[in-house]
mmCIF file of all heavy atoms, coordinates in Angstrom:
data_MODEL
# 
_entry.id   MODEL 
# 
loop_
_atom_site.group_PDB 
_atom_site.id 
_atom_site.type_symbol 
_atom_site.label_atom_id 
_atom_site.label_alt_id 
_atom_site.label_comp_id 
_atom_site.label_asym_id 
_atom_site.label_entity_id 
_atom_site.label_seq_id 
_atom_site.pdbx_PDB_ins_code 
_atom_site.Cartn_x 
_atom_site.Cartn_y 
_atom_site.Cartn_z 
_atom_site.occupancy 
_atom_site.B_iso_or_equiv 
_atom_site.pdbx_formal_charge 
_atom_site.auth_seq_id 
_atom_site.auth_comp_id 
_atom_site.auth_asym_id 
_atom_site.auth_atom_id 
_atom_site.pdbx_PDB_model_num 
ATOM 1   N N   . ASP A 1 1  ? 279.914 216.052 178.559 1.00 0.00 ? 1  ASP A N   1 
ATOM 2   C CA  . ASP A 1 1  ? 278.738 215.405 179.152 1.00 0.00 ? 1  ASP A CA  1 
ATOM 3   C C   . ASP A 1 1  ? 278.468 215.952 180.550 1.00 0.00 ? 1  ASP A C   1 
ATOM 4   O O   . ASP A 1 1  ? 277.318 216.174 180.937 1.00 0.00 ? 1  ASP A O   1 
ATOM 5   C CB  . ASP A 1 1  ? 278.947 213.887 179.220 1.00 0.00 ? 1  ASP A CB  1 
ATOM 6   C CG  . ASP A 1 1  ? 279.055 213.250 177.841 1.00 0.00 ? 1  ASP A CG  1 
ATOM 7   O OD1 . ASP A 1 1  ? 278.519 213.847 176.878 1.00 0.00 ? 1  ASP A OD1 1 
ATOM 8   O OD2 . ASP A 1 1  ? 279.672 212.176 177.729 1.00 0.00 ? 1  ASP A OD2 1 
ATOM 9   N N   . TRP A 1 2  ? 279.530 216.153 181.316 1.00 0.00 ? 2  TRP A N   1 
ATOM 10  C CA  . TRP A 1 2  ? 279.370 216.696 182.670 1.00 0.00 ? 2  TRP A CA  1 
ATOM 11  C C   . TRP A 1 2  ? 278.836 218.125 182.627 1.00 0.00 ? 2  TRP A C   1 
ATOM 12  O O   . TRP A 1 2  ? 277.938 218.492 183.390 1.00 0.00 ? 2  TRP A O   1 
ATOM 13  C CB  . TRP A 1 2  ? 280.711 216.631 183.398 1.00 0.00 ? 2  TRP A CB  1 
ATOM 14  C CG  . TRP A 1 2  ? 280.626 216.930 184.871 1.00 0.00 ? 2  TRP A CG  1 
ATOM 15  C CD1 . TRP A 1 2  ? 279.595 216.643 185.718 1.00 0.00 ? 2  TRP A CD1 1 
ATOM 16  C CD2 . TRP A 1 2  ? 281.630 217.572 185.668 1.00 0.00 ? 2  TRP A CD2 1 
ATOM 17  N NE1 . TRP A 1 2  ? 279.893 217.046 186.997 1.00 0.00 ? 2  TRP A NE1 1 
ATOM 18  C CE2 . TRP A 1 2  ? 281.131 217.616 187.004 1.00 0.00 ? 2  TRP A CE2 1 
ATOM 19  C CE3 . TRP A 1 2  ? 282.902 218.074 185.399 1.00 0.00 ? 2  TRP A CE3 1 
ATOM 20  C CZ2 . TRP A 1 2  ? 281.868 218.176 188.046 1.00 0.00 ? 2  TRP A CZ2 1 
ATOM 21  C CZ3 . TRP A 1 2  ? 283.636 218.612 186.451 1.00 0.00 ? 2  TRP A CZ3 1 
ATOM 22  C CH2 . TRP A 1 2  ? 283.124 218.670 187.750 1.00 0.00 ? 2  TRP A CH2 1 
ATOM 23  N N   . ILE A 1 3  ? 279.353 218.925 181.719 1.00 0.00 ? 3  ILE A N   1 
ATOM 24  C CA  . ILE A 1 3  ? 278.892 220.306 181.570 1.00 0.00 ? 3  ILE A CA  1 
ATOM 25  C C   . ILE A 1 3  ? 277.406 220.340 181.219 1.00 0.00 ? 3  ILE A C   1 
ATOM 26  O O   . ILE A 1 3  ? 276.640 221.155 181.761 1.00 0.00 ? 3  ILE A O   1 
ATOM 27  C CB  . ILE A 1 3  ? 279.728 221.037 180.504 1.00 0.00 ? 3  ILE A CB  1 
ATOM 28  C CG1 . ILE A 1 3  ? 281.148 221.292 181.031 1.00 0.00 ? 3  ILE A CG1 1 
ATOM 29  C CG2 . ILE A 1 3  ? 279.069 222.352 180.092 1.00 0.00 ? 3  ILE A CG2 1 
ATOM 30  C CD1 . ILE A 1 3  ? 282.123 221.779 179.982 1.00 0.00 ? 3  ILE A CD1 1 
ATOM 31  N N   . ALA A 1 4  ? 276.970 219.450 180.339 1.00 0.00 ? 4  ALA A N   1 
ATOM 32  C CA  . ALA A 1 4  ? 275.552 219.394 179.969 1.00 0.00 ? 4  ALA A CA  1 
ATOM 33  C C   . ALA A 1 4  ? 274.686 219.006 181.164 1.00 0.00 ? 4  ALA A C   1 
ATOM 34  O O   . ALA A 1 4  ? 273.613 219.575 181.388 1.00 0.00 ? 4  ALA A O   1 
ATOM 35  C CB  . ALA A 1 4  ? 275.354 218.406 178.826 1.00 0.00 ? 4  ALA A CB  1 
ATOM 36  N N   . ALA A 1 5  ? 275.172 218.034 181.957 1.00 0.00 ? 5  ALA A N   1 
ATOM 37  C CA  . ALA A 1 5  ? 274.418 217.604 183.138 1.00 0.00 ? 5  ALA A CA  1 
ATOM 38  C C   . ALA A 1 5  ? 274.326 218.733 184.170 1.00 0.00 ? 5  ALA A C   1 
ATOM 39  O O   . ALA A 1 5  ? 273.270 218.942 184.790 1.00 0.00 ? 5  ALA A O   1 
ATOM 40  C CB  . ALA A 1 5  ? 275.074 216.376 183.756 1.00 0.00 ? 5  ALA A CB  1 
ATOM 41  N N   . LEU A 1 6  ? 275.405 219.474 184.359 1.00 0.00 ? 6  LEU A N   1 
ATOM 42  C CA  . LEU A 1 6  ? 275.398 220.592 185.299 1.00 0.00 ? 6  LEU A CA  1 
ATOM 43  C C   . LEU A 1 6  ? 274.469 221.707 184.831 1.00 0.00 ? 6  LEU A C   1 
ATOM 44  O O   . LEU A 1 6  ? 273.755 222.317 185.640 1.00 0.00 ? 6  LEU A O   1 
ATOM 45  C CB  . LEU A 1 6  ? 276.819 221.133 185.473 1.00 0.00 ? 6  LEU A CB  1 
ATOM 46  C CG  . LEU A 1 6  ? 277.796 220.231 186.233 1.00 0.00 ? 6  LEU A CG  1 
ATOM 47  C CD1 . LEU A 1 6  ? 279.229 220.741 186.067 1.00 0.00 ? 6  LEU A CD1 1 
ATOM 48  C CD2 . LEU A 1 6  ? 277.426 220.161 187.716 1.00 0.00 ? 6  LEU A CD2 1 
ATOM 49  N N   . LYS A 1 7  ? 274.465 221.973 183.537 1.00 0.00 ? 7  LYS A N   1 
ATOM 50  C CA  . LYS A 1 7  ? 273.584 223.005 183.003 1.00 0.00 ? 7  LYS A CA  1 
ATOM 51  C C   . LYS A 1 7  ? 272.123 222.639 183.231 1.00 0.00 ? 7  LYS A C   1 
ATOM 52  O O   . LYS A 1 7  ? 271.300 223.495 183.600 1.00 0.00 ? 7  LYS A O   1 
ATOM 53  C CB  . LYS A 1 7  ? 273.862 223.184 181.504 1.00 0.00 ? 7  LYS A CB  1 
ATOM 54  C CG  . LYS A 1 7  ? 273.055 224.300 180.856 1.00 0.00 ? 7  LYS A CG  1 
ATOM 55  C CD  . LYS A 1 7  ? 273.439 224.468 179.391 1.00 0.00 ? 7  LYS A CD  1 
ATOM 56  C CE  . LYS A 1 7  ? 272.646 225.593 178.738 1.00 0.00 ? 7  LYS A CE  1 
ATOM 57  N NZ  . LYS A 1 7  ? 273.018 225.752 177.301 1.00 0.00 ? 7  LYS A NZ  1 
ATOM 58  N N   . HIS A 1 8  ? 271.784 221.372 183.019 1.00 0.00 ? 8  HIS A N   1 
ATOM 59  C CA  . HIS A 1 8  ? 270.412 220.918 183.241 1.00 0.00 ? 8  HIS A CA  1 
ATOM 60  C C   . HIS A 1 8  ? 270.054 221.022 184.726 1.00 0.00 ? 8  HIS A C   1 
ATOM 61  O O   . HIS A 1 8  ? 268.963 221.495 185.086 1.00 0.00 ? 8  HIS A O   1 
ATOM 62  C CB  . HIS A 1 8  ? 270.261 219.479 182.768 1.00 0.00 ? 8  HIS A CB  1 
ATOM 63  C CG  . HIS A 1 8  ? 268.900 218.901 183.032 1.00 0.00 ? 8  HIS A CG  1 
ATOM 64  N ND1 . HIS A 1 8  ? 267.791 219.217 182.269 1.00 0.00 ? 8  HIS A ND1 1 
ATOM 65  C CD2 . HIS A 1 8  ? 268.469 218.030 184.004 1.00 0.00 ? 8  HIS A CD2 1 
ATOM 66  C CE1 . HIS A 1 8  ? 266.738 218.579 182.751 1.00 0.00 ? 8  HIS A CE1 1 
ATOM 67  N NE2 . HIS A 1 8  ? 267.122 217.859 183.793 1.00 0.00 ? 8  HIS A NE2 1 
ATOM 68  N N   . ALA A 1 9  ? 270.970 220.628 185.607 1.00 0.00 ? 9  ALA A N   1 
ATOM 69  C CA  . ALA A 1 9  ? 270.712 220.670 187.049 1.00 0.00 ? 9  ALA A CA  1 
ATOM 70  C C   . ALA A 1 9  ? 270.552 222.102 187.547 1.00 0.00 ? 9  ALA A C   1 
ATOM 71  O O   . ALA A 1 9  ? 269.770 222.360 188.477 1.00 0.00 ? 9  ALA A O   1 
ATOM 72  C CB  . ALA A 1 9  ? 271.842 219.975 187.802 1.00 0.00 ? 9  ALA A CB  1 
ATOM 73  N N   . ALA A 1 10 ? 271.274 223.039 186.933 1.00 0.00 ? 10 ALA A N   1 
ATOM 74  C CA  . ALA A 1 10 ? 271.214 224.433 187.376 1.00 0.00 ? 10 ALA A CA  1 
ATOM 75  C C   . ALA A 1 10 ? 269.825 225.034 187.190 1.00 0.00 ? 10 ALA A C   1 
ATOM 76  O O   . ALA A 1 10 ? 269.431 225.943 187.925 1.00 0.00 ? 10 ALA A O   1 
ATOM 77  C CB  . ALA A 1 10 ? 272.253 225.257 186.624 1.00 0.00 ? 10 ALA A CB  1 
ATOM 78  N N   . ARG A 1 11 ? 269.063 224.510 186.220 1.00 0.00 ? 11 ARG A N   1 
ATOM 79  C CA  . ARG A 1 11 ? 267.717 225.051 185.971 1.00 0.00 ? 11 ARG A CA  1 
ATOM 80  C C   . ARG A 1 11 ? 266.781 224.782 187.144 1.00 0.00 ? 11 ARG A C   1 
ATOM 81  O O   . ARG A 1 11 ? 265.805 225.507 187.347 1.00 0.00 ? 11 ARG A O   1 
ATOM 82  C CB  . ARG A 1 11 ? 267.129 224.438 184.698 1.00 0.00 ? 11 ARG A CB  1 
ATOM 83  C CG  . ARG A 1 11 ? 267.907 224.738 183.426 1.00 0.00 ? 11 ARG A CG  1 
ATOM 84  C CD  . ARG A 1 11 ? 267.090 224.357 182.200 1.00 0.00 ? 11 ARG A CD  1 
ATOM 85  N NE  . ARG A 1 11 ? 267.887 224.415 180.989 1.00 0.00 ? 11 ARG A NE  1 
ATOM 86  C CZ  . ARG A 1 11 ? 268.340 223.347 180.353 1.00 0.00 ? 11 ARG A CZ  1 
ATOM 87  N NH1 . ARG A 1 11 ? 268.053 222.132 180.796 1.00 0.00 ? 11 ARG A NH1 1 
ATOM 88  N NH2 . ARG A 1 11 ? 269.067 223.467 179.249 1.00 0.00 ? 11 ARG A NH2 1 
ATOM 89  N N   . HIS A 1 12 ? 267.072 223.729 187.911 1.00 0.00 ? 12 HIS A N   1 
ATOM 90  C CA  . HIS A 1 12 ? 266.198 223.349 189.024 1.00 0.00 ? 12 HIS A CA  1 
ATOM 91  C C   . HIS A 1 12 ? 266.942 223.410 190.354 1.00 0.00 ? 12 HIS A C   1 
ATOM 92  O O   . HIS A 1 12 ? 266.545 222.764 191.315 1.00 0.00 ? 12 HIS A O   1 
ATOM 93  C CB  . HIS A 1 12 ? 265.658 221.931 188.798 1.00 0.00 ? 12 HIS A CB  1 
ATOM 94  C CG  . HIS A 1 12 ? 265.104 221.697 187.421 1.00 0.00 ? 12 HIS A CG  1 
ATOM 95  N ND1 . HIS A 1 12 ? 263.886 222.208 187.026 1.00 0.00 ? 12 HIS A ND1 1 
ATOM 96  C CD2 . HIS A 1 12 ? 265.623 221.067 186.337 1.00 0.00 ? 12 HIS A CD2 1 
ATOM 97  C CE1 . HIS A 1 12 ? 263.663 221.867 185.761 1.00 0.00 ? 12 HIS A CE1 1 
ATOM 98  N NE2 . HIS A 1 12 ? 264.706 221.185 185.321 1.00 0.00 ? 12 HIS A NE2 1 
ATOM 99  N N   . ALA A 1 13 ? 268.005 224.195 190.400 1.00 0.00 ? 13 ALA A N   1 
ATOM 100 C CA  . ALA A 1 13 ? 268.864 224.208 191.588 1.00 0.00 ? 13 ALA A CA  1 
ATOM 101 C C   . ALA A 1 13 ? 268.140 224.717 192.833 1.00 0.00 ? 13 ALA A C   1 
ATOM 102 O O   . ALA A 1 13 ? 268.452 224.293 193.951 1.00 0.00 ? 13 ALA A O   1 
ATOM 103 C CB  . ALA A 1 13 ? 270.100 225.065 191.321 1.00 0.00 ? 13 ALA A CB  1 
ATOM 104 N N   . GLU A 1 14 ? 267.203 225.634 192.668 1.00 0.00 ? 14 GLU A N   1 
ATOM 105 C CA  . GLU A 1 14 ? 266.505 226.194 193.826 1.00 0.00 ? 14 GLU A CA  1 
ATOM 106 C C   . GLU A 1 14 ? 265.521 225.201 194.440 1.00 0.00 ? 14 GLU A C   1 
ATOM 107 O O   . GLU A 1 14 ? 265.175 225.303 195.614 1.00 0.00 ? 14 GLU A O   1 
ATOM 108 C CB  . GLU A 1 14 ? 265.763 227.473 193.418 1.00 0.00 ? 14 GLU A CB  1 
ATOM 109 C CG  . GLU A 1 14 ? 266.662 228.617 192.990 1.00 0.00 ? 14 GLU A CG  1 
ATOM 110 C CD  . GLU A 1 14 ? 267.427 229.234 194.146 1.00 0.00 ? 14 GLU A CD  1 
ATOM 111 O OE1 . GLU A 1 14 ? 267.065 228.951 195.320 1.00 0.00 ? 14 GLU A OE1 1 
ATOM 112 O OE2 . GLU A 1 14 ? 268.381 229.981 193.886 1.00 0.00 ? 14 GLU A OE2 1 
ATOM 113 N N   . HIS A 1 15 ? 265.050 224.241 193.640 1.00 0.00 ? 15 HIS A N   1 
ATOM 114 C CA  . HIS A 1 15 ? 264.036 223.298 194.130 1.00 0.00 ? 15 HIS A CA  1 
ATOM 115 C C   . HIS A 1 15 ? 264.360 221.872 193.680 1.00 0.00 ? 15 HIS A C   1 
ATOM 116 O O   . HIS A 1 15 ? 263.592 221.260 192.942 1.00 0.00 ? 15 HIS A O   1 
ATOM 117 C CB  . HIS A 1 15 ? 262.646 223.705 193.622 1.00 0.00 ? 15 HIS A CB  1 
ATOM 118 C CG  . HIS A 1 15 ? 262.287 225.125 193.934 1.00 0.00 ? 15 HIS A CG  1 
ATOM 119 N ND1 . HIS A 1 15 ? 261.933 225.545 195.199 1.00 0.00 ? 15 HIS A ND1 1 
ATOM 120 C CD2 . HIS A 1 15 ? 262.242 226.225 193.141 1.00 0.00 ? 15 HIS A CD2 1 
ATOM 121 C CE1 . HIS A 1 15 ? 261.679 226.843 195.172 1.00 0.00 ? 15 HIS A CE1 1 
ATOM 122 N NE2 . HIS A 1 15 ? 261.854 227.280 193.949 1.00 0.00 ? 15 HIS A NE2 1 
ATOM 123 N N   . PRO A 1 16 ? 265.504 221.318 194.110 1.00 0.00 ? 16 PRO A N   1 
ATOM 124 C CA  . PRO A 1 16 ? 265.829 219.943 193.714 1.00 0.00 ? 16 PRO A CA  1 
ATOM 125 C C   . PRO A 1 16 ? 264.906 218.950 194.416 1.00 0.00 ? 16 PRO A C   1 
ATOM 126 O O   . PRO A 1 16 ? 264.486 219.169 195.555 1.00 0.00 ? 16 PRO A O   1 
ATOM 127 C CB  . PRO A 1 16 ? 267.274 219.778 194.186 1.00 0.00 ? 16 PRO A CB  1 
ATOM 128 C CG  . PRO A 1 16 ? 267.388 220.721 195.343 1.00 0.00 ? 16 PRO A CG  1 
ATOM 129 C CD  . PRO A 1 16 ? 266.513 221.895 195.009 1.00 0.00 ? 16 PRO A CD  1 
ATOM 130 N N   . LEU A 1 17 ? 264.573 217.854 193.726 1.00 0.00 ? 17 LEU A N   1 
ATOM 131 C CA  . LEU A 1 17 ? 263.715 216.839 194.332 1.00 0.00 ? 17 LEU A CA  1 
ATOM 132 C C   . LEU A 1 17 ? 264.414 216.177 195.511 1.00 0.00 ? 17 LEU A C   1 
ATOM 133 O O   . LEU A 1 17 ? 263.816 215.916 196.550 1.00 0.00 ? 17 LEU A O   1 
ATOM 134 C CB  . LEU A 1 17 ? 263.316 215.798 193.289 1.00 0.00 ? 17 LEU A CB  1 
ATOM 135 C CG  . LEU A 1 17 ? 262.416 216.316 192.152 1.00 0.00 ? 17 LEU A CG  1 
ATOM 136 C CD1 . LEU A 1 17 ? 262.164 215.220 191.135 1.00 0.00 ? 17 LEU A CD1 1 
ATOM 137 C CD2 . LEU A 1 17 ? 261.096 216.839 192.714 1.00 0.00 ? 17 LEU A CD2 1 
ATOM 138 N N   . ASN A 1 18 ? 265.720 215.884 195.355 1.00 0.00 ? 18 ASN A N   1 
ATOM 139 C CA  . ASN A 1 18 ? 266.505 215.281 196.433 1.00 0.00 ? 18 ASN A CA  1 
ATOM 140 C C   . ASN A 1 18 ? 267.926 215.812 196.312 1.00 0.00 ? 18 ASN A C   1 
ATOM 141 O O   . ASN A 1 18 ? 268.697 215.368 195.449 1.00 0.00 ? 18 ASN A O   1 
ATOM 142 C CB  . ASN A 1 18 ? 266.479 213.755 196.324 1.00 0.00 ? 18 ASN A CB  1 
ATOM 143 C CG  . ASN A 1 18 ? 267.132 213.089 197.520 1.00 0.00 ? 18 ASN A CG  1 
ATOM 144 O OD1 . ASN A 1 18 ? 268.237 213.430 197.927 1.00 0.00 ? 18 ASN A OD1 1 
ATOM 145 N ND2 . ASN A 1 18 ? 266.436 212.099 198.089 1.00 0.00 ? 18 ASN A ND2 1 
ATOM 146 N N   . ALA A 1 19 ? 268.257 216.786 197.150 1.00 0.00 ? 19 ALA A N   1 
ATOM 147 C CA  . ALA A 1 19 ? 269.556 217.460 197.041 1.00 0.00 ? 19 ALA A CA  1 
ATOM 148 C C   . ALA A 1 19 ? 270.721 216.489 197.216 1.00 0.00 ? 19 ALA A C   1 
ATOM 149 O O   . ALA A 1 19 ? 271.717 216.564 196.489 1.00 0.00 ? 19 ALA A O   1 
ATOM 150 C CB  . ALA A 1 19 ? 269.651 218.582 198.069 1.00 0.00 ? 19 ALA A CB  1 
ATOM 151 N N   . GLY A 1 20 ? 270.598 215.566 198.160 1.00 0.00 ? 20 GLY A N   1 
ATOM 152 C CA  . GLY A 1 20 ? 271.688 214.628 198.408 1.00 0.00 ? 20 GLY A CA  1 
ATOM 153 C C   . GLY A 1 20 ? 271.977 213.739 197.221 1.00 0.00 ? 20 GLY A C   1 
ATOM 154 O O   . GLY A 1 20 ? 273.135 213.575 196.814 1.00 0.00 ? 20 GLY A O   1 
ATOM 155 N N   . LEU A 1 21 ? 270.926 213.165 196.643 1.00 0.00 ? 21 LEU A N   1 
ATOM 156 C CA  . LEU A 1 21 ? 271.110 212.300 195.474 1.00 0.00 ? 21 LEU A CA  1 
ATOM 157 C C   . LEU A 1 21 ? 271.634 213.082 194.278 1.00 0.00 ? 21 LEU A C   1 
ATOM 158 O O   . LEU A 1 21 ? 272.452 212.576 193.504 1.00 0.00 ? 21 LEU A O   1 
ATOM 159 C CB  . LEU A 1 21 ? 269.782 211.617 195.117 1.00 0.00 ? 21 LEU A CB  1 
ATOM 160 C CG  . LEU A 1 21 ? 269.322 210.508 196.065 1.00 0.00 ? 21 LEU A CG  1 
ATOM 161 C CD1 . LEU A 1 21 ? 267.965 209.976 195.616 1.00 0.00 ? 21 LEU A CD1 1 
ATOM 162 C CD2 . LEU A 1 21 ? 270.347 209.374 196.115 1.00 0.00 ? 21 LEU A CD2 1 
ATOM 163 N N   . LEU A 1 22 ? 271.163 214.333 194.133 1.00 0.00 ? 22 LEU A N   1 
ATOM 164 C CA  . LEU A 1 22 ? 271.626 215.161 193.018 1.00 0.00 ? 22 LEU A CA  1 
ATOM 165 C C   . LEU A 1 22 ? 273.119 215.412 193.127 1.00 0.00 ? 22 LEU A C   1 
ATOM 166 O O   . LEU A 1 22 ? 273.860 215.281 192.143 1.00 0.00 ? 22 LEU A O   1 
ATOM 167 C CB  . LEU A 1 22 ? 270.864 216.490 193.001 1.00 0.00 ? 22 LEU A CB  1 
ATOM 168 C CG  . LEU A 1 22 ? 271.287 217.497 191.928 1.00 0.00 ? 22 LEU A CG  1 
ATOM 169 C CD1 . LEU A 1 22 ? 271.042 216.939 190.535 1.00 0.00 ? 22 LEU A CD1 1 
ATOM 170 C CD2 . LEU A 1 22 ? 270.567 218.828 192.116 1.00 0.00 ? 22 LEU A CD2 1 
ATOM 171 N N   . MET A 1 23 ? 273.586 215.765 194.329 1.00 0.00 ? 23 MET A N   1 
ATOM 172 C CA  . MET A 1 23 ? 275.008 216.026 194.519 1.00 0.00 ? 23 MET A CA  1 
ATOM 173 C C   . MET A 1 23 ? 275.844 214.770 194.263 1.00 0.00 ? 23 MET A C   1 
ATOM 174 O O   . MET A 1 23 ? 276.888 214.823 193.620 1.00 0.00 ? 23 MET A O   1 
ATOM 175 C CB  . MET A 1 23 ? 275.274 216.542 195.933 1.00 0.00 ? 23 MET A CB  1 
ATOM 176 C CG  . MET A 1 23 ? 274.819 217.970 196.185 1.00 0.00 ? 23 MET A CG  1 
ATOM 177 S SD  . MET A 1 23 ? 275.635 219.193 195.115 1.00 0.00 ? 23 MET A SD  1 
ATOM 178 C CE  . MET A 1 23 ? 274.360 219.453 193.878 1.00 0.00 ? 23 MET A CE  1 
ATOM 179 N N   . GLU A 1 24 ? 275.374 213.628 194.752 1.00 0.00 ? 24 GLU A N   1 
ATOM 180 C CA  . GLU A 1 24 ? 276.106 212.385 194.526 1.00 0.00 ? 24 GLU A CA  1 
ATOM 181 C C   . GLU A 1 24 ? 276.210 212.077 193.033 1.00 0.00 ? 24 GLU A C   1 
ATOM 182 O O   . GLU A 1 24 ? 277.271 211.662 192.546 1.00 0.00 ? 24 GLU A O   1 
ATOM 183 C CB  . GLU A 1 24 ? 275.398 211.233 195.247 1.00 0.00 ? 24 GLU A CB  1 
ATOM 184 C CG  . GLU A 1 24 ? 275.553 211.273 196.758 1.00 0.00 ? 24 GLU A CG  1 
ATOM 185 C CD  . GLU A 1 24 ? 274.826 210.119 197.436 1.00 0.00 ? 24 GLU A CD  1 
ATOM 186 O OE1 . GLU A 1 24 ? 274.349 209.211 196.712 1.00 0.00 ? 24 GLU A OE1 1 
ATOM 187 O OE2 . GLU A 1 24 ? 274.724 210.125 198.673 1.00 0.00 ? 24 GLU A OE2 1 
ATOM 188 N N   . SER A 1 25 ? 275.111 212.294 192.306 1.00 0.00 ? 25 SER A N   1 
ATOM 189 C CA  . SER A 1 25 ? 275.106 212.014 190.869 1.00 0.00 ? 25 SER A CA  1 
ATOM 190 C C   . SER A 1 25 ? 276.062 212.943 190.118 1.00 0.00 ? 25 SER A C   1 
ATOM 191 O O   . SER A 1 25 ? 276.851 212.498 189.274 1.00 0.00 ? 25 SER A O   1 
ATOM 192 C CB  . SER A 1 25 ? 273.687 212.151 190.323 1.00 0.00 ? 25 SER A CB  1 
ATOM 193 O OG  . SER A 1 25 ? 273.670 212.061 188.917 1.00 0.00 ? 25 SER A OG  1 
# 
């Protein structure tokens, strides 16, 4: 599950909506 979440996040890594919240999640 974590690997899937990281893969999804990597697609938008250059332009995250909120970097802090993304890292915490």
